[in-house]
């Protein structure tokens, strides 16, 4: 017969030969209490059998990896001076307005297609296709 024991220091020192039944309950609060997922009763993971489609998918992943490797140099170059290629009017307070020919300081790539730039003390998002890194 197993006994439930506390994890206090005295118990672990004097009864180190006893086993403890430790029960951990995990609840997923994304589901109501009436749903079985709330108490971690998820369905079993499906068994995946390999097919010819998987080989095509792996080839697509390799192409994406090669694309990312080719653009790593561009990612590293996302800092420094840039020149505006076109006029850009900010559509909200997070964007930076600039004109063609203006010089900006690019801090980093914030999102795909957007830099975080600065000009005359003002900071904001700058579309990467509107500037040329110099």
N, C-alpha and C. Protein backbone atom coordinates (compact mmCIF):
# COMPACT_ATOMS: atom_id res chain seq x y z
N UNK A 1 0.84 -1.17 0.00
CA UNK A 1 0.00 0.00 0.00
C UNK A 1 0.88 1.24 0.00
N UNK A 2 0.61 2.16 -0.91
CA UNK A 2 1.39 3.40 -0.99
C UNK A 2 0.72 4.47 -0.15
N UNK A 3 1.54 5.25 0.47
CA UNK A 3 1.05 6.37 1.26
C UNK A 3 1.36 7.66 0.53
N UNK A 4 0.45 8.61 0.62
CA UNK A 4 0.75 9.94 0.11
C UNK A 4 1.57 10.64 1.17
N UNK A 5 2.66 11.23 0.81
CA UNK A 5 3.49 11.91 1.80
C UNK A 5 3.70 13.35 1.38
N UNK A 6 3.96 14.16 2.35
CA UNK A 6 4.23 15.57 2.04
C UNK A 6 5.69 15.69 1.63
N UNK A 7 5.99 16.79 1.01
CA UNK A 7 7.35 17.00 0.54
C UNK A 7 8.14 17.88 1.49
N UNK A 8 7.77 17.86 2.76
CA UNK A 8 8.51 18.68 3.72
C UNK A 8 9.90 18.09 3.93
N UNK A 9 10.79 18.90 4.45
CA UNK A 9 12.17 18.48 4.63
C UNK A 9 12.27 17.32 5.62
N UNK A 10 11.51 17.39 6.71
CA UNK A 10 11.57 16.35 7.73
C UNK A 10 11.09 15.02 7.17
N UNK A 11 10.04 15.03 6.38
CA UNK A 11 9.50 13.80 5.82
C UNK A 11 10.49 13.16 4.86
N UNK A 12 11.09 13.96 4.01
CA UNK A 12 12.01 13.40 3.02
C UNK A 12 13.28 12.86 3.68
N UNK A 13 13.68 13.45 4.79
CA UNK A 13 14.89 12.98 5.47
C UNK A 13 14.63 11.68 6.23
N UNK A 14 13.51 11.61 6.95
CA UNK A 14 13.27 10.44 7.80
C UNK A 14 12.62 9.29 7.05
N UNK A 15 11.89 9.56 5.97
CA UNK A 15 11.19 8.50 5.26
C UNK A 15 11.62 8.45 3.80
N UNK A 16 12.90 8.49 3.56
CA UNK A 16 13.38 8.53 2.19
C UNK A 16 13.11 7.23 1.44
N UNK A 17 12.83 6.14 2.15
CA UNK A 17 12.56 4.87 1.50
C UNK A 17 11.11 4.73 1.05
N UNK A 18 10.21 5.61 1.52
CA UNK A 18 8.81 5.55 1.12
C UNK A 18 8.63 6.20 -0.26
N UNK A 19 7.66 5.70 -0.98
CA UNK A 19 7.34 6.31 -2.27
C UNK A 19 6.17 7.28 -2.08
N UNK A 20 6.13 8.27 -2.89
CA UNK A 20 5.08 9.28 -2.81
C UNK A 20 4.27 9.26 -4.09
N UNK A 21 2.98 9.36 -3.95
CA UNK A 21 2.10 9.52 -5.10
C UNK A 21 1.84 11.01 -5.27
N UNK A 22 2.41 11.55 -6.28
CA UNK A 22 2.25 12.96 -6.55
C UNK A 22 1.32 13.10 -7.75
N UNK A 23 0.23 13.79 -7.57
CA UNK A 23 -0.74 13.96 -8.63
C UNK A 23 -0.71 15.41 -9.08
N UNK A 24 -0.48 15.60 -10.37
CA UNK A 24 -0.47 16.94 -10.94
C UNK A 24 -1.64 17.03 -11.90
N UNK A 25 -2.46 18.03 -11.70
CA UNK A 25 -3.60 18.22 -12.58
C UNK A 25 -3.32 19.43 -13.45
N UNK A 26 -3.43 19.23 -14.74
CA UNK A 26 -3.22 20.31 -15.69
C UNK A 26 -4.57 20.67 -16.28
N UNK A 27 -4.87 21.96 -16.27
CA UNK A 27 -6.14 22.39 -16.85
C UNK A 27 -5.87 23.38 -17.96
N UNK A 28 -6.66 23.29 -18.99
CA UNK A 28 -6.56 24.19 -20.14
C UNK A 28 -7.74 25.15 -20.07
N UNK A 29 -7.47 26.37 -19.63
CA UNK A 29 -8.53 27.34 -19.41
C UNK A 29 -9.08 27.95 -20.70
N UNK A 30 -8.60 27.49 -21.84
CA UNK A 30 -9.17 27.93 -23.11
C UNK A 30 -10.51 27.24 -23.35
N UNK A 31 -10.79 26.19 -22.56
CA UNK A 31 -12.03 25.44 -22.70
C UNK A 31 -12.83 25.54 -21.41
N UNK A 32 -14.17 25.51 -21.50
CA UNK A 32 -14.99 25.55 -20.28
C UNK A 32 -14.81 24.27 -19.47
N UNK A 33 -15.19 24.32 -18.18
CA UNK A 33 -15.04 23.16 -17.31
C UNK A 33 -15.83 21.96 -17.80
N UNK A 34 -16.87 22.19 -18.56
CA UNK A 34 -17.70 21.09 -19.05
C UNK A 34 -17.04 20.35 -20.22
N UNK A 35 -16.01 20.93 -20.81
CA UNK A 35 -15.34 20.32 -21.97
C UNK A 35 -14.21 19.41 -21.47
N UNK A 36 -14.03 18.22 -22.08
CA UNK A 36 -12.97 17.32 -21.61
C UNK A 36 -11.56 17.88 -21.81
N UNK A 37 -11.36 18.79 -22.77
CA UNK A 37 -10.04 19.37 -22.98
C UNK A 37 -9.62 20.25 -21.80
N UNK A 38 -10.59 20.75 -21.03
CA UNK A 38 -10.28 21.58 -19.87
C UNK A 38 -9.40 20.81 -18.89
N UNK A 39 -9.63 19.51 -18.78
CA UNK A 39 -8.88 18.69 -17.85
C UNK A 39 -7.77 17.89 -18.53
N UNK A 40 -7.42 18.26 -19.74
CA UNK A 40 -6.31 17.61 -20.43
C UNK A 40 -6.66 16.30 -21.08
N UNK A 41 -7.93 16.03 -21.28
CA UNK A 41 -8.36 14.79 -21.94
C UNK A 41 -8.41 15.01 -23.44
N UNK A 42 -7.25 15.10 -24.04
CA UNK A 42 -7.15 15.34 -25.48
C UNK A 42 -7.21 14.01 -26.23
N UNK A 43 -7.63 14.05 -27.50
CA UNK A 43 -7.62 12.81 -28.28
C UNK A 43 -6.18 12.41 -28.57
N UNK A 44 -5.95 11.12 -28.83
CA UNK A 44 -4.57 10.69 -29.12
C UNK A 44 -4.08 11.31 -30.42
N UNK A 45 -2.76 11.50 -30.49
CA UNK A 45 -2.15 12.04 -31.69
C UNK A 45 -2.33 11.06 -32.84
N UNK A 46 -2.66 11.56 -34.03
CA UNK A 46 -2.82 10.64 -35.16
C UNK A 46 -1.47 10.05 -35.58
N UNK A 47 -1.51 8.84 -36.05
CA UNK A 47 -0.30 8.16 -36.54
C UNK A 47 -0.12 8.60 -37.99
N UNK A 48 1.08 9.08 -38.29
CA UNK A 48 1.36 9.58 -39.63
C UNK A 48 2.14 8.55 -40.41
N UNK A 49 1.60 8.20 -41.57
CA UNK A 49 2.30 7.29 -42.47
C UNK A 49 2.88 8.10 -43.60
N UNK A 50 4.15 7.83 -43.94
CA UNK A 50 4.80 8.59 -45.00
C UNK A 50 4.20 8.25 -46.36
N UNK A 51 4.15 9.26 -47.21
CA UNK A 51 3.64 9.07 -48.56
C UNK A 51 4.52 9.84 -49.53
N UNK A 52 4.18 9.78 -50.81
CA UNK A 52 4.94 10.50 -51.82
C UNK A 52 4.82 12.01 -51.63
N UNK A 53 3.67 12.45 -51.10
CA UNK A 53 3.47 13.88 -50.86
C UNK A 53 4.48 14.42 -49.86
N UNK A 54 4.87 13.58 -48.89
CA UNK A 54 5.84 14.02 -47.89
C UNK A 54 7.18 14.34 -48.54
N UNK A 55 7.57 13.55 -49.54
CA UNK A 55 8.84 13.80 -50.22
C UNK A 55 8.79 15.15 -50.93
N UNK A 56 7.64 15.47 -51.57
CA UNK A 56 7.50 16.77 -52.24
C UNK A 56 7.56 17.89 -51.22
N UNK A 57 6.92 17.69 -50.05
CA UNK A 57 6.92 18.70 -49.00
C UNK A 57 8.35 18.96 -48.51
N UNK A 58 9.13 17.90 -48.33
CA UNK A 58 10.52 18.05 -47.89
C UNK A 58 11.32 18.84 -48.90
N UNK A 59 11.07 18.62 -50.20
CA UNK A 59 11.77 19.38 -51.24
C UNK A 59 11.40 20.85 -51.15
N UNK A 60 10.12 21.17 -50.89
CA UNK A 60 9.69 22.56 -50.74
C UNK A 60 10.39 23.21 -49.56
N UNK A 61 10.53 22.47 -48.45
CA UNK A 61 11.23 23.01 -47.28
C UNK A 61 12.67 23.35 -47.62
N UNK A 62 13.33 22.49 -48.42
CA UNK A 62 14.71 22.75 -48.80
C UNK A 62 14.81 24.03 -49.62
N UNK A 63 13.86 24.25 -50.52
CA UNK A 63 13.86 25.47 -51.33
C UNK A 63 13.70 26.69 -50.44
N UNK A 64 12.79 26.62 -49.43
CA UNK A 64 12.60 27.74 -48.52
C UNK A 64 13.86 28.01 -47.72
N UNK A 65 14.54 26.94 -47.25
CA UNK A 65 15.78 27.11 -46.50
C UNK A 65 16.84 27.79 -47.35
N UNK A 66 16.95 27.39 -48.62
CA UNK A 66 17.93 28.02 -49.52
C UNK A 66 17.60 29.50 -49.70
N UNK A 67 16.29 29.84 -49.81
CA UNK A 67 15.88 31.23 -49.95
C UNK A 67 16.27 32.04 -48.71
N UNK A 68 16.03 31.46 -47.52
CA UNK A 68 16.39 32.15 -46.29
C UNK A 68 17.89 32.35 -46.20
N UNK A 69 18.67 31.35 -46.58
CA UNK A 69 20.13 31.47 -46.54
C UNK A 69 20.61 32.55 -47.51
N UNK A 70 19.97 32.65 -48.67
CA UNK A 70 20.36 33.66 -49.65
C UNK A 70 20.04 35.05 -49.16
N UNK A 71 19.00 35.21 -48.35
CA UNK A 71 18.60 36.52 -47.86
C UNK A 71 19.20 36.88 -46.51
N UNK A 72 20.04 36.01 -45.93
CA UNK A 72 20.64 36.32 -44.66
C UNK A 72 21.53 37.55 -44.74
N UNK A 73 22.24 37.72 -45.83
CA UNK A 73 23.08 38.90 -46.01
C UNK A 73 22.24 40.16 -46.04
N UNK A 74 21.05 40.08 -46.62
CA UNK A 74 20.15 41.23 -46.67
C UNK A 74 19.65 41.56 -45.26
N UNK A 75 19.36 40.52 -44.47
CA UNK A 75 18.91 40.74 -43.10
C UNK A 75 19.99 41.46 -42.30
N UNK A 76 21.25 41.06 -42.48
CA UNK A 76 22.34 41.69 -41.75
C UNK A 76 22.51 43.14 -42.18
N UNK A 77 22.18 43.46 -43.41
CA UNK A 77 22.37 44.80 -43.97
C UNK A 77 21.21 45.72 -43.60
N UNK A 78 20.31 45.30 -42.74
CA UNK A 78 19.13 46.10 -42.38
C UNK A 78 19.46 47.10 -41.28
N UNK A 79 20.61 47.72 -41.36
CA UNK A 79 21.00 48.74 -40.39
C UNK A 79 21.96 49.69 -41.08
N UNK A 80 21.73 50.97 -40.94
CA UNK A 80 22.62 51.95 -41.55
C UNK A 80 21.86 53.05 -42.25
N UNK A 81 22.55 53.80 -43.08
CA UNK A 81 21.94 54.90 -43.81
C UNK A 81 21.16 54.40 -45.02
N UNK A 82 20.06 55.10 -45.31
CA UNK A 82 19.24 54.78 -46.48
C UNK A 82 18.78 56.08 -47.11
N UNK A 83 18.44 56.00 -48.39
CA UNK A 83 17.93 57.15 -49.12
C UNK A 83 16.54 56.82 -49.63
N UNK A 84 15.61 57.75 -49.48
CA UNK A 84 14.26 57.54 -49.95
C UNK A 84 14.20 57.48 -51.46
N UNK A 85 13.56 56.45 -52.00
CA UNK A 85 13.40 56.31 -53.44
C UNK A 85 12.12 56.98 -53.93
N UNK A 86 11.12 57.05 -53.04
CA UNK A 86 9.82 57.63 -53.38
C UNK A 86 9.32 58.41 -52.17
N UNK A 87 8.34 59.28 -52.38
CA UNK A 87 7.67 59.95 -51.27
C UNK A 87 6.82 58.92 -50.53
N UNK A 88 6.84 59.01 -49.20
CA UNK A 88 6.00 58.12 -48.39
C UNK A 88 5.29 58.95 -47.34
N UNK A 89 3.96 58.95 -47.37
CA UNK A 89 3.15 59.64 -46.37
C UNK A 89 2.64 58.62 -45.36
N UNK A 90 2.99 58.84 -44.09
CA UNK A 90 2.57 57.91 -43.04
C UNK A 90 1.05 57.85 -42.97
N UNK A 91 0.53 56.65 -42.84
CA UNK A 91 -0.91 56.46 -42.73
C UNK A 91 -1.37 56.39 -41.28
N UNK A 92 -0.42 56.22 -40.34
CA UNK A 92 -0.75 56.23 -38.91
C UNK A 92 0.48 56.69 -38.13
N UNK A 93 0.33 56.78 -36.82
CA UNK A 93 1.40 57.35 -35.99
C UNK A 93 2.63 56.46 -35.85
N UNK A 94 2.54 55.20 -36.27
CA UNK A 94 3.70 54.31 -36.16
C UNK A 94 4.61 54.37 -37.37
N UNK A 95 4.18 55.06 -38.43
CA UNK A 95 4.97 55.15 -39.65
C UNK A 95 5.70 56.48 -39.74
N UNK A 96 6.74 56.54 -40.54
CA UNK A 96 7.57 57.72 -40.70
C UNK A 96 7.39 58.31 -42.09
N UNK A 97 7.03 59.58 -42.15
CA UNK A 97 6.86 60.27 -43.43
C UNK A 97 8.22 60.75 -43.93
N UNK A 98 8.49 60.55 -45.23
CA UNK A 98 9.72 61.06 -45.83
C UNK A 98 9.48 61.29 -47.31
N UNK A 99 10.39 62.02 -47.92
CA UNK A 99 10.30 62.37 -49.35
C UNK A 99 11.40 61.67 -50.13
N UNK A 100 11.22 61.61 -51.43
CA UNK A 100 12.25 61.06 -52.30
C UNK A 100 13.53 61.86 -52.11
N UNK A 101 14.64 61.15 -51.92
CA UNK A 101 15.94 61.80 -51.75
C UNK A 101 16.30 62.07 -50.30
N UNK A 102 15.36 61.97 -49.36
CA UNK A 102 15.67 62.17 -47.94
C UNK A 102 16.58 61.05 -47.46
N UNK A 103 17.45 61.39 -46.51
CA UNK A 103 18.34 60.40 -45.91
C UNK A 103 17.79 60.02 -44.55
N UNK A 104 17.74 58.71 -44.30
CA UNK A 104 17.21 58.17 -43.06
C UNK A 104 18.24 57.26 -42.41
N UNK A 105 18.09 57.06 -41.13
CA UNK A 105 18.89 56.05 -40.43
C UNK A 105 17.98 54.86 -40.16
N UNK A 106 18.39 53.69 -40.63
CA UNK A 106 17.62 52.47 -40.43
C UNK A 106 18.22 51.73 -39.23
N UNK A 107 17.39 51.50 -38.22
CA UNK A 107 17.84 50.81 -37.01
C UNK A 107 17.85 49.29 -37.19
N UNK A 108 16.75 48.76 -37.74
CA UNK A 108 16.65 47.30 -37.90
C UNK A 108 15.46 46.97 -38.79
N UNK A 109 15.36 45.70 -39.15
CA UNK A 109 14.18 45.21 -39.86
C UNK A 109 13.16 44.88 -38.78
N UNK A 110 12.04 45.57 -38.80
CA UNK A 110 11.03 45.40 -37.77
C UNK A 110 10.10 44.23 -38.08
N UNK A 111 9.62 44.18 -39.30
CA UNK A 111 8.73 43.13 -39.79
C UNK A 111 9.16 42.83 -41.23
N UNK A 112 8.69 41.74 -41.81
CA UNK A 112 8.99 41.52 -43.22
C UNK A 112 8.44 42.68 -44.05
N UNK A 113 9.33 43.32 -44.79
CA UNK A 113 8.91 44.45 -45.64
C UNK A 113 8.94 45.80 -44.95
N UNK A 114 9.30 45.86 -43.68
CA UNK A 114 9.31 47.13 -42.93
C UNK A 114 10.57 47.27 -42.10
N UNK A 115 11.15 48.46 -42.15
CA UNK A 115 12.29 48.82 -41.31
C UNK A 115 11.81 49.73 -40.20
N UNK A 116 12.59 49.82 -39.13
CA UNK A 116 12.40 50.86 -38.12
C UNK A 116 13.43 51.93 -38.45
N UNK A 117 12.95 53.10 -38.84
CA UNK A 117 13.84 54.17 -39.29
C UNK A 117 13.71 55.43 -38.46
N UNK A 118 14.67 56.34 -38.67
CA UNK A 118 14.69 57.60 -37.95
C UNK A 118 15.16 58.70 -38.89
N UNK A 119 14.50 59.86 -38.76
CA UNK A 119 14.89 61.02 -39.57
C UNK A 119 14.54 62.27 -38.77
N UNK A 120 15.52 63.15 -38.60
CA UNK A 120 15.32 64.40 -37.87
C UNK A 120 14.71 64.18 -36.49
N UNK A 121 15.14 63.14 -35.80
CA UNK A 121 14.66 62.87 -34.45
C UNK A 121 13.34 62.14 -34.37
N UNK A 122 12.67 61.94 -35.48
CA UNK A 122 11.39 61.21 -35.48
C UNK A 122 11.65 59.76 -35.89
N UNK A 123 10.99 58.84 -35.20
CA UNK A 123 11.13 57.41 -35.50
C UNK A 123 9.82 56.85 -36.01
N UNK A 124 9.92 55.81 -36.84
CA UNK A 124 8.73 55.14 -37.32
C UNK A 124 9.05 54.04 -38.29
N UNK A 125 8.00 53.34 -38.70
CA UNK A 125 8.15 52.26 -39.66
C UNK A 125 8.33 52.83 -41.06
N UNK A 126 9.20 52.19 -41.82
CA UNK A 126 9.54 52.62 -43.17
C UNK A 126 9.40 51.41 -44.09
N UNK A 127 8.62 51.51 -45.18
CA UNK A 127 8.53 50.36 -46.10
C UNK A 127 9.88 50.12 -46.77
N UNK A 128 10.35 48.89 -46.71
CA UNK A 128 11.70 48.59 -47.20
C UNK A 128 11.84 48.80 -48.71
N UNK A 129 10.75 48.71 -49.44
CA UNK A 129 10.85 48.91 -50.90
C UNK A 129 10.79 50.39 -51.29
N UNK A 130 10.67 51.30 -50.32
CA UNK A 130 10.68 52.73 -50.59
C UNK A 130 12.04 53.37 -50.34
N UNK A 131 12.99 52.58 -49.83
CA UNK A 131 14.32 53.12 -49.53
C UNK A 131 15.39 52.24 -50.13
N UNK A 132 16.57 52.85 -50.30
CA UNK A 132 17.74 52.14 -50.79
C UNK A 132 18.83 52.27 -49.72
N UNK A 133 19.35 51.14 -49.26
CA UNK A 133 20.42 51.16 -48.28
C UNK A 133 21.69 51.69 -48.97
N UNK A 134 22.39 52.60 -48.30
CA UNK A 134 23.62 53.16 -48.90
C UNK A 134 24.80 52.94 -47.97
